[in-house]
């Protein structure tokens, strides 16, 4: 796949993300007289905030990938500077790392809470 095709995919992904806004009503703090209503509303607000966070994080990754295309660094692992496989880029066009470096990064992140608890 050519870089222009990835740019098109990434641009479409940005548009898709932008079409999923979280309304102010979903995250507004409201007080309810009924405890169960309050609990349900709090739960709904937390879900909306989590969706908003995921959307923001994905937008950040997609914009960073578009920046890498513009600078000519797209498809190069940010860690080892080796090419990211075509297969990985087709699956995750905003990928910053090759599979090997991504797995190493995830193992480090997973091990961190265990080390902190010890």
PDB file of N, CA and C in Angstrom:
ATOM      1  N   UNK A   1       0.849  -1.173   0.000  1.00  0.00           N
ATOM      2  CA  UNK A   1       0.000   0.000   0.000  1.00  0.00           C
ATOM      3  C   UNK A   1       0.897   1.238   0.000  1.00  0.00           C
ATOM      4  N   UNK A   2       0.516   2.210  -0.757  1.00  0.00           N
ATOM      5  CA  UNK A   2       1.316   3.428  -0.861  1.00  0.00           C
ATOM      6  C   UNK A   2       0.951   4.404   0.255  1.00  0.00           C
ATOM      7  N   UNK A   3       1.876   5.309   0.538  1.00  0.00           N
ATOM      8  CA  UNK A   3       1.695   6.286   1.612  1.00  0.00           C
ATOM      9  C   UNK A   3       0.431   7.097   1.419  1.00  0.00           C
ATOM     10  N   UNK A   4       0.111   7.460   0.196  1.00  0.00           N
ATOM     11  CA  UNK A   4      -1.106   8.245  -0.067  1.00  0.00           C
ATOM     12  C   UNK A   4      -2.360   7.477   0.340  1.00  0.00           C
ATOM     13  N   UNK A   5      -2.339   6.168   0.152  1.00  0.00           N
ATOM     14  CA  UNK A   5      -3.484   5.346   0.547  1.00  0.00           C
ATOM     15  C   UNK A   5      -3.628   5.332   2.070  1.00  0.00           C
ATOM     16  N   UNK A   6      -2.505   5.276   2.775  1.00  0.00           N
ATOM     17  CA  UNK A   6      -2.547   5.338   4.239  1.00  0.00           C
ATOM     18  C   UNK A   6      -3.046   6.702   4.700  1.00  0.00           C
ATOM     19  N   UNK A   7      -2.625   7.733   4.010  1.00  0.00           N
ATOM     20  CA  UNK A   7      -3.084   9.077   4.359  1.00  0.00           C
ATOM     21  C   UNK A   7      -4.604   9.173   4.218  1.00  0.00           C
ATOM     22  N   UNK A   8      -5.135   8.585   3.150  1.00  0.00           N
ATOM     23  CA  UNK A   8      -6.582   8.569   2.939  1.00  0.00           C
ATOM     24  C   UNK A   8      -7.278   7.797   4.056  1.00  0.00           C
ATOM     25  N   UNK A   9      -6.745   6.613   4.410  1.00  0.00           N
ATOM     26  CA  UNK A   9      -7.315   5.822   5.499  1.00  0.00           C
ATOM     27  C   UNK A   9      -7.312   6.592   6.812  1.00  0.00           C
ATOM     28  N   UNK A  10      -6.203   7.235   7.103  1.00  0.00           N
ATOM     29  CA  UNK A  10      -6.071   7.988   8.360  1.00  0.00           C
ATOM     30  C   UNK A  10      -7.018   9.181   8.390  1.00  0.00           C
ATOM     31  N   UNK A  11      -7.158   9.860   7.274  1.00  0.00           N
ATOM     32  CA  UNK A  11      -8.066  11.000   7.196  1.00  0.00           C
ATOM     33  C   UNK A  11      -9.512  10.549   7.401  1.00  0.00           C
ATOM     34  N   UNK A  12      -9.863   9.420   6.810  1.00  0.00           N
ATOM     35  CA  UNK A  12     -11.209   8.875   7.005  1.00  0.00           C
ATOM     36  C   UNK A  12     -11.437   8.492   8.463  1.00  0.00           C
ATOM     37  N   UNK A  13     -10.407   7.951   9.101  1.00  0.00           N
ATOM     38  CA  UNK A  13     -10.524   7.567  10.510  1.00  0.00           C
ATOM     39  C   UNK A  13     -10.762   8.804  11.367  1.00  0.00           C
ATOM     40  N   UNK A  14     -10.051   9.897  11.085  1.00  0.00           N
ATOM     41  CA  UNK A  14     -10.276  11.148  11.818  1.00  0.00           C
ATOM     42  C   UNK A  14     -11.710  11.628  11.666  1.00  0.00           C
ATOM     43  N   UNK A  15     -12.230  11.553  10.453  1.00  0.00           N
ATOM     44  CA  UNK A  15     -13.613  11.969  10.208  1.00  0.00           C
ATOM     45  C   UNK A  15     -14.589  11.082  10.971  1.00  0.00           C
ATOM     46  N   UNK A  16     -14.305   9.786  10.993  1.00  0.00           N
ATOM     47  CA  UNK A  16     -15.156   8.841  11.715  1.00  0.00           C
ATOM     48  C   UNK A  16     -15.160   9.136  13.212  1.00  0.00           C
ATOM     49  N   UNK A  17     -14.001   9.408  13.758  1.00  0.00           N
ATOM     50  CA  UNK A  17     -13.887   9.715  15.187  1.00  0.00           C
ATOM     51  C   UNK A  17     -14.646  11.005  15.505  1.00  0.00           C
ATOM     52  N   UNK A  18     -14.539  11.974  14.632  1.00  0.00           N
ATOM     53  CA  UNK A  18     -15.179  13.268  14.860  1.00  0.00           C
ATOM     54  C   UNK A  18     -16.700  13.180  14.814  1.00  0.00           C
ATOM     55  N   UNK A  19     -17.226  12.153  14.173  1.00  0.00           N
ATOM     56  CA  UNK A  19     -18.671  11.976  14.084  1.00  0.00           C
ATOM     57  C   UNK A  19     -19.255  11.339  15.330  1.00  0.00           C
ATOM     58  N   UNK A  20     -18.416  10.969  16.284  1.00  0.00           N
ATOM     59  CA  UNK A  20     -18.875  10.309  17.500  1.00  0.00           C
ATOM     60  C   UNK A  20     -18.685  11.210  18.717  1.00  0.00           C
ATOM     61  N   UNK A  21     -19.246  12.408  18.666  1.00  0.00           N
ATOM     62  CA  UNK A  21     -19.032  13.312  19.803  1.00  0.00           C
ATOM     63  C   UNK A  21     -19.800  12.865  21.042  1.00  0.00           C
ATOM     64  N   UNK A  22     -19.288  13.253  22.164  1.00  0.00           N
ATOM     65  CA  UNK A  22     -19.964  13.029  23.437  1.00  0.00           C
ATOM     66  C   UNK A  22     -20.659  14.337  23.778  1.00  0.00           C
ATOM     67  N   UNK A  23     -21.953  14.259  24.022  1.00  0.00           N
ATOM     68  CA  UNK A  23     -22.708  15.478  24.291  1.00  0.00           C
ATOM     69  C   UNK A  23     -22.446  15.974  25.710  1.00  0.00           C
ATOM     70  N   UNK A  24     -22.576  17.273  25.930  1.00  0.00           N
ATOM     71  CA  UNK A  24     -22.386  17.826  27.278  1.00  0.00           C
ATOM     72  C   UNK A  24     -23.331  17.212  28.300  1.00  0.00           C
ATOM     73  N   UNK A  25     -24.528  16.809  27.848  1.00  0.00           N
ATOM     74  CA  UNK A  25     -25.478  16.198  28.773  1.00  0.00           C
ATOM     75  C   UNK A  25     -24.981  14.862  29.318  1.00  0.00           C
ATOM     76  N   UNK A  26     -24.177  14.163  28.494  1.00  0.00           N
ATOM     77  CA  UNK A  26     -23.681  12.852  28.917  1.00  0.00           C
ATOM     78  C   UNK A  26     -22.652  12.955  30.045  1.00  0.00           C
ATOM     79  N   UNK A  27     -21.959  14.073  30.111  1.00  0.00           N
ATOM     80  CA  UNK A  27     -20.913  14.202  31.131  1.00  0.00           C
ATOM     81  C   UNK A  27     -21.252  15.230  32.217  1.00  0.00           C
ATOM     82  N   UNK A  28     -22.435  15.836  32.108  1.00  0.00           N
ATOM     83  CA  UNK A  28     -22.848  16.818  33.115  1.00  0.00           C
ATOM     84  C   UNK A  28     -23.081  16.143  34.464  1.00  0.00           C
ATOM     85  N   UNK A  29     -22.714  16.834  35.515  1.00  0.00           N
ATOM     86  CA  UNK A  29     -22.930  16.317  36.864  1.00  0.00           C
ATOM     87  C   UNK A  29     -24.290  16.804  37.333  1.00  0.00           C
ATOM     88  N   UNK A  30     -25.144  15.839  37.641  1.00  0.00           N
ATOM     89  CA  UNK A  30     -26.488  16.154  38.109  1.00  0.00           C
ATOM     90  C   UNK A  30     -26.718  15.441  39.431  1.00  0.00           C
ATOM     91  N   UNK A  31     -27.429  16.066  40.287  1.00  0.00           N
ATOM     92  CA  UNK A  31     -27.798  15.446  41.559  1.00  0.00           C
ATOM     93  C   UNK A  31     -29.222  14.936  41.447  1.00  0.00           C
ATOM     94  N   UNK A  32     -29.430  13.719  41.915  1.00  0.00           N
ATOM     95  CA  UNK A  32     -30.754  13.104  41.910  1.00  0.00           C
ATOM     96  C   UNK A  32     -31.149  12.769  43.335  1.00  0.00           C
ATOM     97  N   UNK A  33     -32.441  12.875  43.594  1.00  0.00           N
ATOM     98  CA  UNK A  33     -32.946  12.559  44.925  1.00  0.00           C
ATOM     99  C   UNK A  33     -32.838  11.064  45.202  1.00  0.00           C
ATOM    100  N   UNK A  34     -33.013  10.266  44.179  1.00  0.00           N
ATOM    101  CA  UNK A  34     -32.968   8.819  44.331  1.00  0.00           C
ATOM    102  C   UNK A  34     -31.529   8.326  44.200  1.00  0.00           C
ATOM    103  N   UNK A  35     -31.103   7.537  45.155  1.00  0.00           N
ATOM    104  CA  UNK A  35     -29.741   7.004  45.168  1.00  0.00           C
ATOM    105  C   UNK A  35     -29.457   6.161  43.929  1.00  0.00           C
ATOM    106  N   UNK A  36     -30.379   5.310  43.533  1.00  0.00           N
ATOM    107  CA  UNK A  36     -30.168   4.443  42.366  1.00  0.00           C
ATOM    108  C   UNK A  36     -30.049   5.266  41.086  1.00  0.00           C
ATOM    109  N   UNK A  37     -30.832   6.330  40.970  1.00  0.00           N
ATOM    110  CA  UNK A  37     -30.716   7.211  39.811  1.00  0.00           C
ATOM    111  C   UNK A  37     -29.348   7.882  39.787  1.00  0.00           C
ATOM    112  N   UNK A  38     -28.884   8.294  40.941  1.00  0.00           N
ATOM    113  CA  UNK A  38     -27.566   8.932  41.075  1.00  0.00           C
ATOM    114  C   UNK A  38     -26.460   7.955  40.661  1.00  0.00           C
ATOM    115  N   UNK A  39     -26.572   6.713  41.123  1.00  0.00           N
ATOM    116  CA  UNK A  39     -25.570   5.691  40.787  1.00  0.00           C
ATOM    117  C   UNK A  39     -25.572   5.414  39.290  1.00  0.00           C
ATOM    118  N   UNK A  40     -26.759   5.281  38.706  1.00  0.00           N
ATOM    119  CA  UNK A  40     -26.853   5.013  37.276  1.00  0.00           C
ATOM    120  C   UNK A  40     -26.289   6.184  36.470  1.00  0.00           C
ATOM    121  N   UNK A  41     -26.628   7.386  36.857  1.00  0.00           N
ATOM    122  CA  UNK A  41     -26.141   8.583  36.141  1.00  0.00           C
ATOM    123  C   UNK A  41     -24.620   8.688  36.248  1.00  0.00           C
ATOM    124  N   UNK A  42     -24.076   8.389  37.403  1.00  0.00           N
ATOM    125  CA  UNK A  42     -22.628   8.419  37.590  1.00  0.00           C
ATOM    126  C   UNK A  42     -21.957   7.387  36.690  1.00  0.00           C
ATOM    127  N   UNK A  43     -22.528   6.212  36.622  1.00  0.00           N
ATOM    128  CA  UNK A  43     -21.995   5.154  35.766  1.00  0.00           C
ATOM    129  C   UNK A  43     -22.031   5.567  34.292  1.00  0.00           C
ATOM    130  N   UNK A  44     -23.136   6.130  33.860  1.00  0.00           N
ATOM    131  CA  UNK A  44     -23.265   6.598  32.478  1.00  0.00           C
ATOM    132  C   UNK A  44     -22.245   7.698  32.171  1.00  0.00           C
ATOM    133  N   UNK A  45     -22.042   8.603  33.123  1.00  0.00           N
ATOM    134  CA  UNK A  45     -21.080   9.683  32.941  1.00  0.00           C
ATOM    135  C   UNK A  45     -19.664   9.125  32.818  1.00  0.00           C
ATOM    136  N   UNK A  46     -19.333   8.144  33.649  1.00  0.00           N
ATOM    137  CA  UNK A  46     -18.002   7.539  33.592  1.00  0.00           C
ATOM    138  C   UNK A  46     -17.771   6.832  32.251  1.00  0.00           C
ATOM    139  N   UNK A  47     -18.789   6.158  31.730  1.00  0.00           N
ATOM    140  CA  UNK A  47     -18.674   5.520  30.422  1.00  0.00           C
ATOM    141  C   UNK A  47     -18.473   6.559  29.317  1.00  0.00           C
ATOM    142  N   UNK A  48     -19.204   7.655  29.391  1.00  0.00           N
ATOM    143  CA  UNK A  48     -19.064   8.718  28.398  1.00  0.00           C
ATOM    144  C   UNK A  48     -17.672   9.344  28.468  1.00  0.00           C
ATOM    145  N   UNK A  49     -17.162   9.540  29.665  1.00  0.00           N
ATOM    146  CA  UNK A  49     -15.819  10.109  29.819  1.00  0.00           C
ATOM    147  C   UNK A  49     -14.756   9.143  29.286  1.00  0.00           C
ATOM    148  N   UNK A  50     -14.942   7.851  29.517  1.00  0.00           N
ATOM    149  CA  UNK A  50     -14.002   6.856  28.994  1.00  0.00           C
ATOM    150  C   UNK A  50     -14.016   6.860  27.462  1.00  0.00           C
ATOM    151  N   UNK A  51     -15.207   6.975  26.874  1.00  0.00           N
ATOM    152  CA  UNK A  51     -15.317   7.039  25.418  1.00  0.00           C
ATOM    153  C   UNK A  51     -14.650   8.300  24.880  1.00  0.00           C
ATOM    154  N   UNK A  52     -14.829   9.398  25.567  1.00  0.00           N
ATOM    155  CA  UNK A  52     -14.209  10.660  25.173  1.00  0.00           C
ATOM    156  C   UNK A  52     -12.687  10.556  25.239  1.00  0.00           C
ATOM    157  N   UNK A  53     -12.176   9.918  26.274  1.00  0.00           N
ATOM    158  CA  UNK A  53     -10.734   9.731  26.432  1.00  0.00           C
ATOM    159  C   UNK A  53     -10.180   8.847  25.316  1.00  0.00           C
ATOM    160  N   UNK A  54     -10.849   7.727  25.035  1.00  0.00           N
ATOM    161  CA  UNK A  54     -10.401   6.836  23.956  1.00  0.00           C
ATOM    162  C   UNK A  54     -10.404   7.571  22.617  1.00  0.00           C
ATOM    163  N   UNK A  55     -11.427   8.351  22.374  1.00  0.00           N
ATOM    164  CA  UNK A  55     -11.522   9.106  21.138  1.00  0.00           C
ATOM    165  C   UNK A  55     -10.370  10.107  21.017  1.00  0.00           C
ATOM    166  N   UNK A  56     -10.089  10.819  22.107  1.00  0.00           N
ATOM    167  CA  UNK A  56      -8.996  11.792  22.109  1.00  0.00           C
ATOM    168  C   UNK A  56      -7.657  11.103  21.877  1.00  0.00           C
ATOM    169  N   UNK A  57      -7.440   9.962  22.532  1.00  0.00           N
ATOM    170  CA  UNK A  57      -6.178   9.239  22.369  1.00  0.00           C
ATOM    171  C   UNK A  57      -6.006   8.763  20.927  1.00  0.00           C
ATOM    172  N   UNK A  58      -7.083   8.234  20.333  1.00  0.00           N
ATOM    173  CA  UNK A  58      -7.000   7.758  18.957  1.00  0.00           C
ATOM    174  C   UNK A  58      -6.764   8.920  17.996  1.00  0.00           C
ATOM    175  N   UNK A  59      -7.432  10.046  18.221  1.00  0.00           N
ATOM    176  CA  UNK A  59      -7.200  11.227  17.384  1.00  0.00           C
ATOM    177  C   UNK A  59      -5.739  11.653  17.446  1.00  0.00           C
ATOM    178  N   UNK A  60      -5.161  11.605  18.642  1.00  0.00           N
ATOM    179  CA  UNK A  60      -3.760  11.973  18.816  1.00  0.00           C
ATOM    180  C   UNK A  60      -2.852  11.042  18.014  1.00  0.00           C
ATOM    181  N   UNK A  61      -3.118   9.740  18.073  1.00  0.00           N
ATOM    182  CA  UNK A  61      -2.311   8.762  17.326  1.00  0.00           C
ATOM    183  C   UNK A  61      -2.469   8.940  15.819  1.00  0.00           C
ATOM    184  N   UNK A  62      -3.685   9.174  15.363  1.00  0.00           N
ATOM    185  CA  UNK A  62      -3.934   9.354  13.929  1.00  0.00           C
ATOM    186  C   UNK A  62      -3.262  10.636  13.437  1.00  0.00           C
ATOM    187  N   UNK A  63      -3.387  11.716  14.189  1.00  0.00           N
ATOM    188  CA  UNK A  63      -2.724  12.972  13.793  1.00  0.00           C
ATOM    189  C   UNK A  63      -1.204  12.817  13.775  1.00  0.00           C
ATOM    190  N   UNK A  64      -0.656  12.070  14.728  1.00  0.00           N
ATOM    191  CA  UNK A  64       0.795  11.830  14.752  1.00  0.00           C
ATOM    192  C   UNK A  64       1.216  11.030  13.516  1.00  0.00           C
ATOM    193  N   UNK A  65       0.397  10.060  13.114  1.00  0.00           N
ATOM    194  CA  UNK A  65       0.699   9.282  11.909  1.00  0.00           C
ATOM    195  C   UNK A  65       0.663  10.177  10.669  1.00  0.00           C
ATOM    196  N   UNK A  66      -0.309  11.069  10.600  1.00  0.00           N
ATOM    197  CA  UNK A  66      -0.373  12.007   9.467  1.00  0.00           C
ATOM    198  C   UNK A  66       0.845  12.928   9.465  1.00  0.00           C
ATOM    199  N   UNK A  67       1.302  13.334  10.634  1.00  0.00           N
ATOM    200  CA  UNK A  67       2.521  14.149  10.729  1.00  0.00           C
ATOM    201  C   UNK A  67       3.736  13.371  10.229  1.00  0.00           C
ATOM    202  N   UNK A  68       3.785  12.065  10.567  1.00  0.00           N
ATOM    203  CA  UNK A  68       4.902  11.237  10.105  1.00  0.00           C
ATOM    204  C   UNK A  68       4.873  11.074   8.588  1.00  0.00           C
ATOM    205  N   UNK A  69       3.676  11.002   8.015  1.00  0.00           N
ATOM    206  CA  UNK A  69       3.569  10.942   6.554  1.00  0.00           C
ATOM    207  C   UNK A  69       4.132  12.222   5.958  1.00  0.00           C
ATOM    208  N   UNK A  70       3.731  13.355   6.535  1.00  0.00           N
ATOM    209  CA  UNK A  70       4.194  14.657   6.018  1.00  0.00           C
ATOM    210  C   UNK A  70       5.707  14.806   6.119  1.00  0.00           C
ATOM    211  N   UNK A  71       6.292  14.240   7.183  1.00  0.00           N
ATOM    212  CA  UNK A  71       7.740  14.391   7.373  1.00  0.00           C
ATOM    213  C   UNK A  71       8.541  13.275   6.711  1.00  0.00           C
ATOM    214  N   UNK A  72       7.849  12.286   6.139  1.00  0.00           N
ATOM    215  CA  UNK A  72       8.542  11.183   5.475  1.00  0.00           C
ATOM    216  C   UNK A  72       9.002  10.091   6.422  1.00  0.00           C
ATOM    217  N   UNK A  73       8.519  10.104   7.655  1.00  0.00           N
ATOM    218  CA  UNK A  73       8.931   9.110   8.647  1.00  0.00           C
ATOM    219  C   UNK A  73       7.886   8.011   8.849  1.00  0.00           C
ATOM    220  N   UNK A  74       6.829   8.034   8.065  1.00  0.00           N
ATOM    221  CA  UNK A  74       5.741   7.069   8.233  1.00  0.00           C
ATOM    222  C   UNK A  74       6.224   5.657   7.898  1.00  0.00           C
ATOM    223  N   UNK A  75       5.774   4.698   8.709  1.00  0.00           N
ATOM    224  CA  UNK A  75       6.117   3.307   8.462  1.00  0.00           C
ATOM    225  C   UNK A  75       7.442   2.887   9.070  1.00  0.00           C
ATOM    226  N   UNK A  76       8.049   3.774   9.832  1.00  0.00           N
ATOM    227  CA  UNK A  76       9.314   3.485  10.503  1.00  0.00           C
ATOM    228  C   UNK A  76       9.050   3.427  12.007  1.00  0.00           C
ATOM    229  N   UNK A  77       9.509   2.368  12.648  1.00  0.00           N
ATOM    230  CA  UNK A  77       9.313   2.187  14.082  1.00  0.00           C
ATOM    231  C   UNK A  77       9.972   3.326  14.852  1.00  0.00           C
ATOM    232  N   UNK A  78       9.238   3.904  15.781  1.00  0.00           N
ATOM    233  CA  UNK A  78       9.747   5.011  16.586  1.00  0.00           C
ATOM    234  C   UNK A  78      10.797   4.567  17.600  1.00  0.00           C
ATOM    235  N   UNK A  79      10.864   3.257  17.834  1.00  0.00           N
ATOM    236  CA  UNK A  79      11.808   2.720  18.808  1.00  0.00           C
ATOM    237  C   UNK A  79      13.103   2.240  18.147  1.00  0.00           C
ATOM    238  N   UNK A  80      12.988   1.288  17.226  1.00  0.00           N
ATOM    239  CA  UNK A  80      14.191   0.667  16.643  1.00  0.00           C
ATOM    240  C   UNK A  80      14.553   1.230  15.274  1.00  0.00           C
ATOM    241  N   UNK A  81      13.677   2.063  14.711  1.00  0.00           N
ATOM    242  CA  UNK A  81      13.871   2.708  13.419  1.00  0.00           C
ATOM    243  C   UNK A  81      13.916   1.733  12.246  1.00  0.00           C
ATOM    244  N   UNK A  82      13.359   0.538  12.449  1.00  0.00           N
ATOM    245  CA  UNK A  82      13.209  -0.444  11.372  1.00  0.00           C
ATOM    246  C   UNK A  82      11.832  -0.242  10.743  1.00  0.00           C
ATOM    247  N   UNK A  83      11.648  -0.698   9.507  1.00  0.00           N
ATOM    248  CA  UNK A  83      10.324  -0.557   8.876  1.00  0.00           C
ATOM    249  C   UNK A  83       9.247  -1.353   9.628  1.00  0.00           C
ATOM    250  N   UNK A  84       8.065  -0.771   9.706  1.00  0.00           N
ATOM    251  CA  UNK A  84       6.901  -1.453  10.270  1.00  0.00           C
ATOM    252  C   UNK A  84       6.301  -2.268   9.128  1.00  0.00           C
ATOM    253  N   UNK A  85       5.933  -3.501   9.411  1.00  0.00           N
ATOM    254  CA  UNK A  85       5.428  -4.378   8.350  1.00  0.00           C
ATOM    255  C   UNK A  85       4.164  -3.819   7.710  1.00  0.00           C
ATOM    256  N   UNK A  86       4.035  -4.098   6.428  1.00  0.00           N
ATOM    257  CA  UNK A  86       2.852  -3.679   5.662  1.00  0.00           C
ATOM    258  C   UNK A  86       1.589  -4.265   6.295  1.00  0.00           C
ATOM    259  N   UNK A  87       1.688  -5.496   6.746  1.00  0.00           N
ATOM    260  CA  UNK A  87       0.538  -6.165   7.366  1.00  0.00           C
ATOM    261  C   UNK A  87       0.076  -5.415   8.609  1.00  0.00           C
ATOM    262  N   UNK A  88       1.030  -4.974   9.430  1.00  0.00           N
ATOM    263  CA  UNK A  88       0.682  -4.222  10.644  1.00  0.00           C
ATOM    264  C   UNK A  88       0.064  -2.876  10.292  1.00  0.00           C
ATOM    265  N   UNK A  89       0.642  -2.192   9.322  1.00  0.00           N
ATOM    266  CA  UNK A  89       0.121  -0.881   8.927  1.00  0.00           C
ATOM    267  C   UNK A  89      -1.277  -0.995   8.313  1.00  0.00           C
ATOM    268  N   UNK A  90      -1.547  -2.087   7.625  1.00  0.00           N
ATOM    269  CA  UNK A  90      -2.894  -2.280   7.081  1.00  0.00           C
ATOM    270  C   UNK A  90      -3.903  -2.461   8.209  1.00  0.00           C
ATOM    271  N   UNK A  91      -3.478  -3.166   9.262  1.00  0.00           N
ATOM    272  CA  UNK A  91      -4.377  -3.401  10.398  1.00  0.00           C
ATOM    273  C   UNK A  91      -4.520  -2.173  11.280  1.00  0.00           C
ATOM    274  N   UNK A  92      -3.393  -1.495  11.523  1.00  0.00           N
ATOM    275  CA  UNK A  92      -3.369  -0.320  12.406  1.00  0.00           C
ATOM    276  C   UNK A  92      -2.530   0.769  11.720  1.00  0.00           C
ATOM    277  N   UNK A  93      -3.151   1.547  10.830  1.00  0.00           N
ATOM    278  CA  UNK A  93      -2.384   2.533  10.065  1.00  0.00           C
ATOM    279  C   UNK A  93      -1.697   3.597  10.918  1.00  0.00           C
ATOM    280  N   UNK A  94      -2.114   3.775  12.165  1.00  0.00           N
ATOM    281  CA  UNK A  94      -1.500   4.773  13.043  1.00  0.00           C
ATOM    282  C   UNK A  94      -0.412   4.163  13.933  1.00  0.00           C
ATOM    283  N   UNK A  95      -0.038   2.915  13.671  1.00  0.00           N
ATOM    284  CA  UNK A  95       0.980   2.238  14.484  1.00  0.00           C
ATOM    285  C   UNK A  95       2.288   3.029  14.501  1.00  0.00           C
ATOM    286  N   UNK A  96       2.845   3.172  15.699  1.00  0.00           N
ATOM    287  CA  UNK A  96       4.114   3.884  15.872  1.00  0.00           C
ATOM    288  C   UNK A  96       5.309   2.935  15.984  1.00  0.00           C
ATOM    289  N   UNK A  97       5.002   1.667  16.293  1.00  0.00           N
ATOM    290  CA  UNK A  97       6.066   0.698  16.547  1.00  0.00           C
ATOM    291  C   UNK A  97       5.855  -0.571  15.738  1.00  0.00           C
ATOM    292  N   UNK A  98       6.963  -1.253  15.438  1.00  0.00           N
ATOM    293  CA  UNK A  98       6.877  -2.568  14.819  1.00  0.00           C
ATOM    294  C   UNK A  98       6.331  -3.542  15.866  1.00  0.00           C
ATOM    295  N   UNK A  99       5.952  -4.723  15.437  1.00  0.00           N
ATOM    296  CA  UNK A  99       5.371  -5.715  16.354  1.00  0.00           C
ATOM    297  C   UNK A  99       6.328  -6.020  17.508  1.00  0.00           C
ATOM    298  N   UNK A 100       7.587  -6.263  17.210  1.00  0.00           N
ATOM    299  CA  UNK A 100       8.562  -6.618  18.243  1.00  0.00           C
ATOM    300  C   UNK A 100       8.676  -5.531  19.311  1.00  0.00           C
ATOM    301  N   UNK A 101       8.804  -4.291  18.899  1.00  0.00           N
ATOM    302  CA  UNK A 101       8.929  -3.189  19.861  1.00  0.00           C
ATOM    303  C   UNK A 101       7.621  -2.941  20.598  1.00  0.00           C
ATOM    304  N   UNK A 102       6.483  -3.107  19.926  1.00  0.00           N
ATOM    305  CA  UNK A 102       5.179  -2.928  20.580  1.00  0.00           C
ATOM    306  C   UNK A 102       4.995  -3.974  21.673  1.00  0.00           C
ATOM    307  N   UNK A 103       5.352  -5.231  21.373  1.00  0.00           N
ATOM    308  CA  UNK A 103       5.234  -6.290  22.374  1.00  0.00           C
ATOM    309  C   UNK A 103       6.148  -6.013  23.568  1.00  0.00           C
ATOM    310  N   UNK A 104       7.363  -5.544  23.296  1.00  0.00           N
ATOM    311  CA  UNK A 104       8.302  -5.220  24.367  1.00  0.00           C
ATOM    312  C   UNK A 104       7.741  -4.088  25.231  1.00  0.00           C
ATOM    313  N   UNK A 105       7.169  -3.086  24.588  1.00  0.00           N
ATOM    314  CA  UNK A 105       6.567  -1.957  25.293  1.00  0.00           C
ATOM    315  C   UNK A 105       5.407  -2.418  26.170  1.00  0.00           C
ATOM    316  N   UNK A 106       4.554  -3.281  25.637  1.00  0.00           N
ATOM    317  CA  UNK A 106       3.415  -3.785  26.397  1.00  0.00           C
ATOM    318  C   UNK A 106       3.854  -4.642  27.582  1.00  0.00           C
ATOM    319  N   UNK A 107       4.899  -5.450  27.397  1.00  0.00           N
ATOM    320  CA  UNK A 107       5.407  -6.240  28.521  1.00  0.00           C
ATOM    321  C   UNK A 107       5.931  -5.326  29.619  1.00  0.00           C
ATOM    322  N   UNK A 108       6.584  -4.254  29.242  1.00  0.00           N
ATOM    323  CA  UNK A 108       7.105  -3.295  30.216  1.00  0.00           C
ATOM    324  C   UNK A 108       5.963  -2.645  30.988  1.00  0.00           C
ATOM    325  N   UNK A 109       4.911  -2.258  30.272  1.00  0.00           N
ATOM    326  CA  UNK A 109       3.754  -1.626  30.905  1.00  0.00           C
ATOM    327  C   UNK A 109       3.054  -2.608  31.835  1.00  0.00           C
ATOM    328  N   UNK A 110       2.893  -3.859  31.388  1.00  0.00           N
ATOM    329  CA  UNK A 110       2.235  -4.874  32.217  1.00  0.00           C
ATOM    330  C   UNK A 110       3.041  -5.196  33.463  1.00  0.00           C
ATOM    331  N   UNK A 111       4.363  -5.186  33.363  1.00  0.00           N
ATOM    332  CA  UNK A 111       5.221  -5.527  34.500  1.00  0.00           C
ATOM    333  C   UNK A 111       5.298  -4.392  35.513  1.00  0.00           C
ATOM    334  N   UNK A 112       5.076  -3.180  35.094  1.00  0.00           N
ATOM    335  CA  UNK A 112       5.210  -2.019  35.968  1.00  0.00           C
ATOM    336  C   UNK A 112       4.332  -2.099  37.227  1.00  0.00           C
ATOM    337  N   UNK A 113       3.029  -2.404  37.123  1.00  0.00           N
ATOM    338  CA  UNK A 113       2.223  -2.473  38.349  1.00  0.00           C
ATOM    339  C   UNK A 113       2.724  -3.549  39.308  1.00  0.00           C
ATOM    340  N   UNK A 114       3.221  -4.654  38.779  1.00  0.00           N
ATOM    341  CA  UNK A 114       3.744  -5.716  39.637  1.00  0.00           C
ATOM    342  C   UNK A 114       4.977  -5.242  40.388  1.00  0.00           C
ATOM    343  N   UNK A 115       5.849  -4.533  39.703  1.00  0.00           N
ATOM    344  CA  UNK A 115       7.067  -4.029  40.334  1.00  0.00           C
ATOM    345  C   UNK A 115       6.732  -2.975  41.384  1.00  0.00           C
ATOM    346  N   UNK A 116       5.743  -2.141  41.106  1.00  0.00           N
ATOM    347  CA  UNK A 116       5.363  -1.084  42.049  1.00  0.00           C
ATOM    348  C   UNK A 116       4.700  -1.674  43.294  1.00  0.00           C
ATOM    349  N   UNK A 117       4.002  -2.793  43.139  1.00  0.00           N
ATOM    350  CA  UNK A 117       3.316  -3.413  44.275  1.00  0.00           C
ATOM    351  C   UNK A 117       4.295  -4.136  45.209  1.00  0.00           C
ATOM    352  N   UNK A 118       5.426  -4.514  44.675  1.00  0.00           N
ATOM    353  CA  UNK A 118       6.398  -5.280  45.477  1.00  0.00           C
ATOM    354  C   UNK A 118       7.120  -4.424  46.468  1.00  0.00           C
TER     355      UNK A 118
END
